Amino acid sequence: MIDSGRFRILLEEERARKLALLPALSADIASANAARQNSNVDDEHDPEGATIAFELSQASALLDQSRSGLAQVEAALDRIAAGTYGLCAICGEQIAEGRLEARPWTPFCILHARGKA
């Protein structure tokens, strides 16, 4: 039997990390946008323009990843509340504890994780 209390703590810690990261990433995006708007940058011909565009793209991707990761953590916490945590969403079999330790938010056993991660 999975100790869902232990995994709840891990998930709540991960949620706190992600929630703390979101404002920093949003600030990075705002900063990159401000730099872009406050300059007369031609992304194709100005070397600085390409850097700003890259930084904006990178920060946006990280923000999207963090939001997605937060949603996965929240879903895992919902599964704990529902009593279905640790059961594969496809086959219903118990997910190996080692897998849950590595990815406590996963809804899939290792067999069904292929192509889903």
N, C-alpha and C. Protein backbone atom coordinates (compact mmCIF):
# COMPACT_ATOMS: atom_id res chain seq x y z
N MET A 1 0.84 -1.19 0.00
CA MET A 1 0.00 0.00 0.00
C MET A 1 0.89 1.25 0.00
N ILE A 2 0.54 2.19 -0.82
CA ILE A 2 1.29 3.44 -0.95
C ILE A 2 0.98 4.35 0.24
N ASP A 3 2.02 4.95 0.79
CA ASP A 3 1.87 5.92 1.88
C ASP A 3 1.54 7.27 1.26
N SER A 4 0.26 7.53 1.04
CA SER A 4 -0.14 8.75 0.34
C SER A 4 0.20 10.00 1.15
N GLY A 5 0.27 9.89 2.48
CA GLY A 5 0.65 11.05 3.30
C GLY A 5 2.05 11.53 2.97
N ARG A 6 2.97 10.59 2.79
CA ARG A 6 4.35 10.95 2.44
C ARG A 6 4.39 11.61 1.06
N PHE A 7 3.63 11.07 0.12
CA PHE A 7 3.62 11.65 -1.22
C PHE A 7 2.88 12.99 -1.25
N ARG A 8 1.90 13.15 -0.39
CA ARG A 8 1.21 14.45 -0.30
C ARG A 8 2.22 15.53 0.08
N ILE A 9 3.08 15.22 1.04
CA ILE A 9 4.11 16.19 1.46
C ILE A 9 5.03 16.53 0.29
N LEU A 10 5.49 15.50 -0.43
CA LEU A 10 6.35 15.73 -1.60
C LEU A 10 5.65 16.60 -2.64
N LEU A 11 4.38 16.30 -2.90
CA LEU A 11 3.63 17.05 -3.90
C LEU A 11 3.37 18.49 -3.45
N GLU A 12 3.07 18.67 -2.17
CA GLU A 12 2.85 20.03 -1.67
C GLU A 12 4.14 20.85 -1.73
N GLU A 13 5.28 20.22 -1.48
CA GLU A 13 6.56 20.92 -1.61
C GLU A 13 6.82 21.29 -3.06
N GLU A 14 6.53 20.37 -3.96
CA GLU A 14 6.71 20.65 -5.40
C GLU A 14 5.77 21.76 -5.85
N ARG A 15 4.54 21.73 -5.37
CA ARG A 15 3.58 22.79 -5.71
C ARG A 15 4.10 24.15 -5.22
N ALA A 16 4.63 24.20 -4.01
CA ALA A 16 5.17 25.45 -3.47
C ALA A 16 6.33 25.96 -4.33
N ARG A 17 7.21 25.04 -4.77
CA ARG A 17 8.34 25.45 -5.63
C ARG A 17 7.82 26.04 -6.94
N LYS A 18 6.84 25.37 -7.53
CA LYS A 18 6.32 25.84 -8.81
C LYS A 18 5.58 27.17 -8.65
N LEU A 19 4.82 27.30 -7.58
CA LEU A 19 4.10 28.56 -7.34
C LEU A 19 5.07 29.70 -7.11
N ALA A 20 6.20 29.43 -6.48
CA ALA A 20 7.21 30.47 -6.26
C ALA A 20 7.92 30.84 -7.56
N LEU A 21 8.04 29.90 -8.47
CA LEU A 21 8.73 30.13 -9.74
C LEU A 21 7.89 30.94 -10.73
N LEU A 22 6.58 30.78 -10.69
CA LEU A 22 5.72 31.44 -11.68
C LEU A 22 5.87 32.96 -11.70
N PRO A 23 5.86 33.65 -10.55
CA PRO A 23 6.03 35.12 -10.61
C PRO A 23 7.39 35.54 -11.18
N ALA A 24 8.43 34.77 -10.88
CA ALA A 24 9.76 35.11 -11.40
C ALA A 24 9.78 34.96 -12.92
N LEU A 25 9.18 33.91 -13.43
CA LEU A 25 9.13 33.72 -14.88
C LEU A 25 8.27 34.80 -15.54
N SER A 26 7.17 35.14 -14.91
CA SER A 26 6.32 36.22 -15.44
C SER A 26 7.08 37.54 -15.46
N ALA A 27 7.88 37.79 -14.43
CA ALA A 27 8.69 39.02 -14.39
C ALA A 27 9.74 39.01 -15.49
N ASP A 28 10.34 37.85 -15.76
CA ASP A 28 11.31 37.75 -16.85
C ASP A 28 10.66 38.09 -18.19
N ILE A 29 9.44 37.59 -18.39
CA ILE A 29 8.73 37.87 -19.64
C ILE A 29 8.40 39.35 -19.74
N ALA A 30 7.93 39.93 -18.65
CA ALA A 30 7.62 41.36 -18.65
C ALA A 30 8.87 42.18 -18.93
N SER A 31 10.00 41.77 -18.35
CA SER A 31 11.26 42.48 -18.55
C SER A 31 11.71 42.39 -20.01
N ALA A 32 11.60 41.20 -20.59
CA ALA A 32 12.00 41.03 -21.98
C ALA A 32 11.08 41.83 -22.90
N ASN A 33 9.80 41.84 -22.60
CA ASN A 33 8.85 42.63 -23.41
C ASN A 33 9.16 44.12 -23.29
N ALA A 34 9.47 44.56 -22.08
CA ALA A 34 9.81 45.98 -21.89
C ALA A 34 11.07 46.34 -22.65
N ALA A 35 12.07 45.47 -22.61
CA ALA A 35 13.31 45.73 -23.34
C ALA A 35 13.06 45.80 -24.84
N ARG A 36 12.16 44.96 -25.29
CA ARG A 36 11.85 44.92 -26.71
C ARG A 36 11.08 46.18 -27.13
N GLN A 37 10.16 46.63 -26.29
CA GLN A 37 9.34 47.80 -26.62
C GLN A 37 10.12 49.10 -26.49
N ASN A 38 11.09 49.13 -25.59
CA ASN A 38 11.85 50.35 -25.35
C ASN A 38 13.04 50.53 -26.29
N SER A 39 13.17 49.62 -27.22
CA SER A 39 14.27 49.76 -28.18
C SER A 39 13.72 49.67 -29.59
N ASN A 40 14.49 50.19 -30.49
CA ASN A 40 14.13 50.12 -31.89
C ASN A 40 14.86 48.92 -32.49
N VAL A 41 14.40 47.75 -32.13
CA VAL A 41 15.11 46.52 -32.47
C VAL A 41 14.50 45.86 -33.69
N ASP A 42 15.34 45.51 -34.60
CA ASP A 42 14.97 44.72 -35.77
C ASP A 42 15.55 43.33 -35.52
N ASP A 43 14.69 42.38 -35.13
CA ASP A 43 15.16 41.06 -34.73
C ASP A 43 16.05 40.37 -35.77
N GLU A 44 15.79 40.63 -37.02
CA GLU A 44 16.55 39.94 -38.07
C GLU A 44 17.94 40.53 -38.28
N HIS A 45 18.09 41.84 -38.07
CA HIS A 45 19.35 42.48 -38.42
C HIS A 45 20.15 42.99 -37.23
N ASP A 46 19.53 43.10 -36.09
CA ASP A 46 20.21 43.60 -34.90
C ASP A 46 20.53 42.42 -33.98
N PRO A 47 21.81 42.20 -33.67
CA PRO A 47 22.17 41.07 -32.81
C PRO A 47 21.47 41.11 -31.46
N GLU A 48 21.22 42.29 -30.93
CA GLU A 48 20.53 42.40 -29.64
C GLU A 48 19.08 41.95 -29.76
N GLY A 49 18.47 42.19 -30.89
CA GLY A 49 17.08 41.80 -31.11
C GLY A 49 16.90 40.29 -31.03
N ALA A 50 17.83 39.57 -31.60
CA ALA A 50 17.75 38.11 -31.54
C ALA A 50 17.88 37.62 -30.11
N THR A 51 18.73 38.26 -29.31
CA THR A 51 18.90 37.87 -27.91
C THR A 51 17.62 38.11 -27.13
N ILE A 52 17.00 39.26 -27.32
CA ILE A 52 15.75 39.57 -26.61
C ILE A 52 14.66 38.59 -27.03
N ALA A 53 14.56 38.31 -28.32
CA ALA A 53 13.56 37.37 -28.80
C ALA A 53 13.80 35.97 -28.21
N PHE A 54 15.06 35.55 -28.14
CA PHE A 54 15.39 34.26 -27.56
C PHE A 54 15.02 34.21 -26.08
N GLU A 55 15.38 35.26 -25.34
CA GLU A 55 15.07 35.30 -23.91
C GLU A 55 13.57 35.26 -23.68
N LEU A 56 12.82 35.98 -24.49
CA LEU A 56 11.37 35.99 -24.37
C LEU A 56 10.80 34.61 -24.68
N SER A 57 11.29 33.99 -25.72
CA SER A 57 10.83 32.66 -26.09
C SER A 57 11.16 31.64 -25.01
N GLN A 58 12.37 31.71 -24.47
CA GLN A 58 12.79 30.78 -23.43
C GLN A 58 11.96 30.96 -22.16
N ALA A 59 11.76 32.19 -21.74
CA ALA A 59 10.98 32.45 -20.53
C ALA A 59 9.53 32.01 -20.72
N SER A 60 8.98 32.23 -21.90
CA SER A 60 7.61 31.80 -22.18
C SER A 60 7.48 30.28 -22.13
N ALA A 61 8.47 29.58 -22.69
CA ALA A 61 8.45 28.12 -22.66
C ALA A 61 8.56 27.60 -21.23
N LEU A 62 9.43 28.21 -20.44
CA LEU A 62 9.57 27.80 -19.03
C LEU A 62 8.30 28.07 -18.24
N LEU A 63 7.65 29.18 -18.52
CA LEU A 63 6.39 29.49 -17.85
C LEU A 63 5.33 28.45 -18.21
N ASP A 64 5.24 28.11 -19.49
CA ASP A 64 4.28 27.08 -19.91
C ASP A 64 4.57 25.74 -19.24
N GLN A 65 5.85 25.36 -19.19
CA GLN A 65 6.24 24.11 -18.53
C GLN A 65 5.88 24.12 -17.06
N SER A 66 6.12 25.23 -16.40
CA SER A 66 5.83 25.33 -14.97
C SER A 66 4.33 25.25 -14.72
N ARG A 67 3.55 25.91 -15.55
CA ARG A 67 2.09 25.83 -15.41
C ARG A 67 1.59 24.41 -15.63
N SER A 68 2.14 23.75 -16.64
CA SER A 68 1.76 22.36 -16.92
C SER A 68 2.15 21.45 -15.75
N GLY A 69 3.37 21.64 -15.24
CA GLY A 69 3.82 20.85 -14.10
C GLY A 69 2.96 21.10 -12.88
N LEU A 70 2.56 22.34 -12.66
CA LEU A 70 1.69 22.66 -11.53
C LEU A 70 0.35 21.95 -11.69
N ALA A 71 -0.18 21.93 -12.90
CA ALA A 71 -1.46 21.24 -13.14
C ALA A 71 -1.32 19.74 -12.85
N GLN A 72 -0.18 19.15 -13.20
CA GLN A 72 0.04 17.73 -12.92
C GLN A 72 0.12 17.47 -11.42
N VAL A 73 0.78 18.36 -10.70
CA VAL A 73 0.88 18.23 -9.24
C VAL A 73 -0.50 18.36 -8.62
N GLU A 74 -1.27 19.36 -9.07
CA GLU A 74 -2.63 19.56 -8.54
C GLU A 74 -3.49 18.32 -8.81
N ALA A 75 -3.36 17.74 -9.99
CA ALA A 75 -4.14 16.54 -10.33
C ALA A 75 -3.75 15.38 -9.42
N ALA A 76 -2.47 15.25 -9.11
CA ALA A 76 -2.02 14.18 -8.21
C ALA A 76 -2.59 14.40 -6.81
N LEU A 77 -2.60 15.64 -6.34
CA LEU A 77 -3.19 15.93 -5.04
C LEU A 77 -4.69 15.63 -5.04
N ASP A 78 -5.36 15.89 -6.16
CA ASP A 78 -6.78 15.53 -6.29
C ASP A 78 -6.97 14.02 -6.22
N ARG A 79 -6.04 13.26 -6.82
CA ARG A 79 -6.13 11.80 -6.77
C ARG A 79 -5.94 11.29 -5.34
N ILE A 80 -5.07 11.96 -4.59
CA ILE A 80 -4.90 11.58 -3.18
C ILE A 80 -6.22 11.79 -2.45
N ALA A 81 -6.83 12.95 -2.66
CA ALA A 81 -8.11 13.26 -2.00
C ALA A 81 -9.20 12.27 -2.41
N ALA A 82 -9.16 11.81 -3.66
CA ALA A 82 -10.18 10.88 -4.16
C ALA A 82 -9.88 9.43 -3.79
N GLY A 83 -8.69 9.18 -3.27
CA GLY A 83 -8.33 7.80 -2.91
C GLY A 83 -7.84 6.96 -4.07
N THR A 84 -7.49 7.62 -5.19
CA THR A 84 -7.02 6.87 -6.36
C THR A 84 -5.54 7.09 -6.65
N TYR A 85 -4.86 7.79 -5.75
CA TYR A 85 -3.44 8.06 -5.96
C TYR A 85 -2.65 6.75 -5.96
N GLY A 86 -1.71 6.66 -6.89
CA GLY A 86 -0.86 5.48 -6.97
C GLY A 86 -1.42 4.37 -7.84
N LEU A 87 -2.59 4.61 -8.42
CA LEU A 87 -3.19 3.65 -9.34
C LEU A 87 -3.09 4.20 -10.76
N CYS A 88 -2.67 3.36 -11.68
CA CYS A 88 -2.52 3.78 -13.07
C CYS A 88 -3.87 4.20 -13.64
N ALA A 89 -3.90 5.33 -14.30
CA ALA A 89 -5.13 5.87 -14.88
C ALA A 89 -5.63 5.03 -16.05
N ILE A 90 -4.77 4.15 -16.59
CA ILE A 90 -5.19 3.33 -17.73
C ILE A 90 -5.59 1.93 -17.30
N CYS A 91 -4.71 1.25 -16.56
CA CYS A 91 -4.98 -0.15 -16.21
C CYS A 91 -5.49 -0.35 -14.79
N GLY A 92 -5.36 0.67 -13.96
CA GLY A 92 -5.84 0.57 -12.59
C GLY A 92 -4.91 -0.18 -11.65
N GLU A 93 -3.79 -0.66 -12.17
CA GLU A 93 -2.82 -1.35 -11.33
C GLU A 93 -2.02 -0.34 -10.51
N GLN A 94 -1.46 -0.82 -9.41
CA GLN A 94 -0.67 0.06 -8.55
C GLN A 94 0.62 0.47 -9.27
N ILE A 95 0.95 1.75 -9.18
CA ILE A 95 2.19 2.28 -9.73
C ILE A 95 3.31 1.96 -8.75
N ALA A 96 4.44 1.52 -9.27
CA ALA A 96 5.58 1.16 -8.42
C ALA A 96 6.00 2.35 -7.57
N GLU A 97 6.28 2.09 -6.31
CA GLU A 97 6.63 3.16 -5.39
C GLU A 97 7.88 3.91 -5.85
N GLY A 98 8.84 3.20 -6.42
CA GLY A 98 10.04 3.85 -6.94
C GLY A 98 9.71 4.85 -8.03
N ARG A 99 8.74 4.51 -8.87
CA ARG A 99 8.32 5.45 -9.92
C ARG A 99 7.66 6.68 -9.30
N LEU A 100 6.84 6.46 -8.29
CA LEU A 100 6.20 7.58 -7.61
C LEU A 100 7.21 8.45 -6.89
N GLU A 101 8.26 7.86 -6.38
CA GLU A 101 9.31 8.65 -5.74
C GLU A 101 10.01 9.54 -6.75
N ALA A 102 10.21 9.02 -7.96
CA ALA A 102 10.88 9.80 -9.01
C ALA A 102 9.94 10.85 -9.61
N ARG A 103 8.68 10.49 -9.78
CA ARG A 103 7.68 11.37 -10.40
C ARG A 103 6.38 11.26 -9.62
N PRO A 104 6.30 11.89 -8.46
CA PRO A 104 5.12 11.69 -7.61
C PRO A 104 3.81 12.17 -8.23
N TRP A 105 3.86 12.92 -9.30
CA TRP A 105 2.65 13.42 -9.96
C TRP A 105 2.16 12.50 -11.07
N THR A 106 2.91 11.44 -11.38
CA THR A 106 2.54 10.60 -12.51
C THR A 106 1.22 9.86 -12.30
N PRO A 107 0.36 9.83 -13.31
CA PRO A 107 -0.87 9.05 -13.21
C PRO A 107 -0.75 7.67 -13.89
N PHE A 108 0.47 7.33 -14.37
CA PHE A 108 0.63 6.11 -15.17
C PHE A 108 1.69 5.18 -14.59
N CYS A 109 1.42 3.90 -14.68
CA CYS A 109 2.46 2.90 -14.37
C CYS A 109 3.52 2.98 -15.47
N ILE A 110 4.63 2.33 -15.26
CA ILE A 110 5.74 2.42 -16.22
C ILE A 110 5.34 1.87 -17.58
N LEU A 111 4.52 0.84 -17.60
CA LEU A 111 4.09 0.26 -18.88
C LEU A 111 3.27 1.27 -19.69
N HIS A 112 2.40 2.00 -19.03
CA HIS A 112 1.52 2.92 -19.75
C HIS A 112 2.09 4.35 -19.84
N ALA A 113 3.23 4.56 -19.25
CA ALA A 113 3.87 5.89 -19.32
C ALA A 113 4.52 6.12 -20.67
N ARG A 114 4.84 5.06 -21.35
CA ARG A 114 5.49 5.20 -22.67
C ARG A 114 4.58 5.98 -23.61
N GLY A 115 5.14 7.05 -24.12
CA GLY A 115 4.38 7.88 -25.05
C GLY A 115 3.46 8.87 -24.36
N LYS A 116 3.39 8.86 -23.02
CA LYS A 116 2.50 9.76 -22.31
C LYS A 116 3.25 10.83 -21.54
N ALA A 117 4.54 10.61 -21.23
CA ALA A 117 5.31 11.52 -20.37
C ALA A 117 5.66 12.80 -21.06
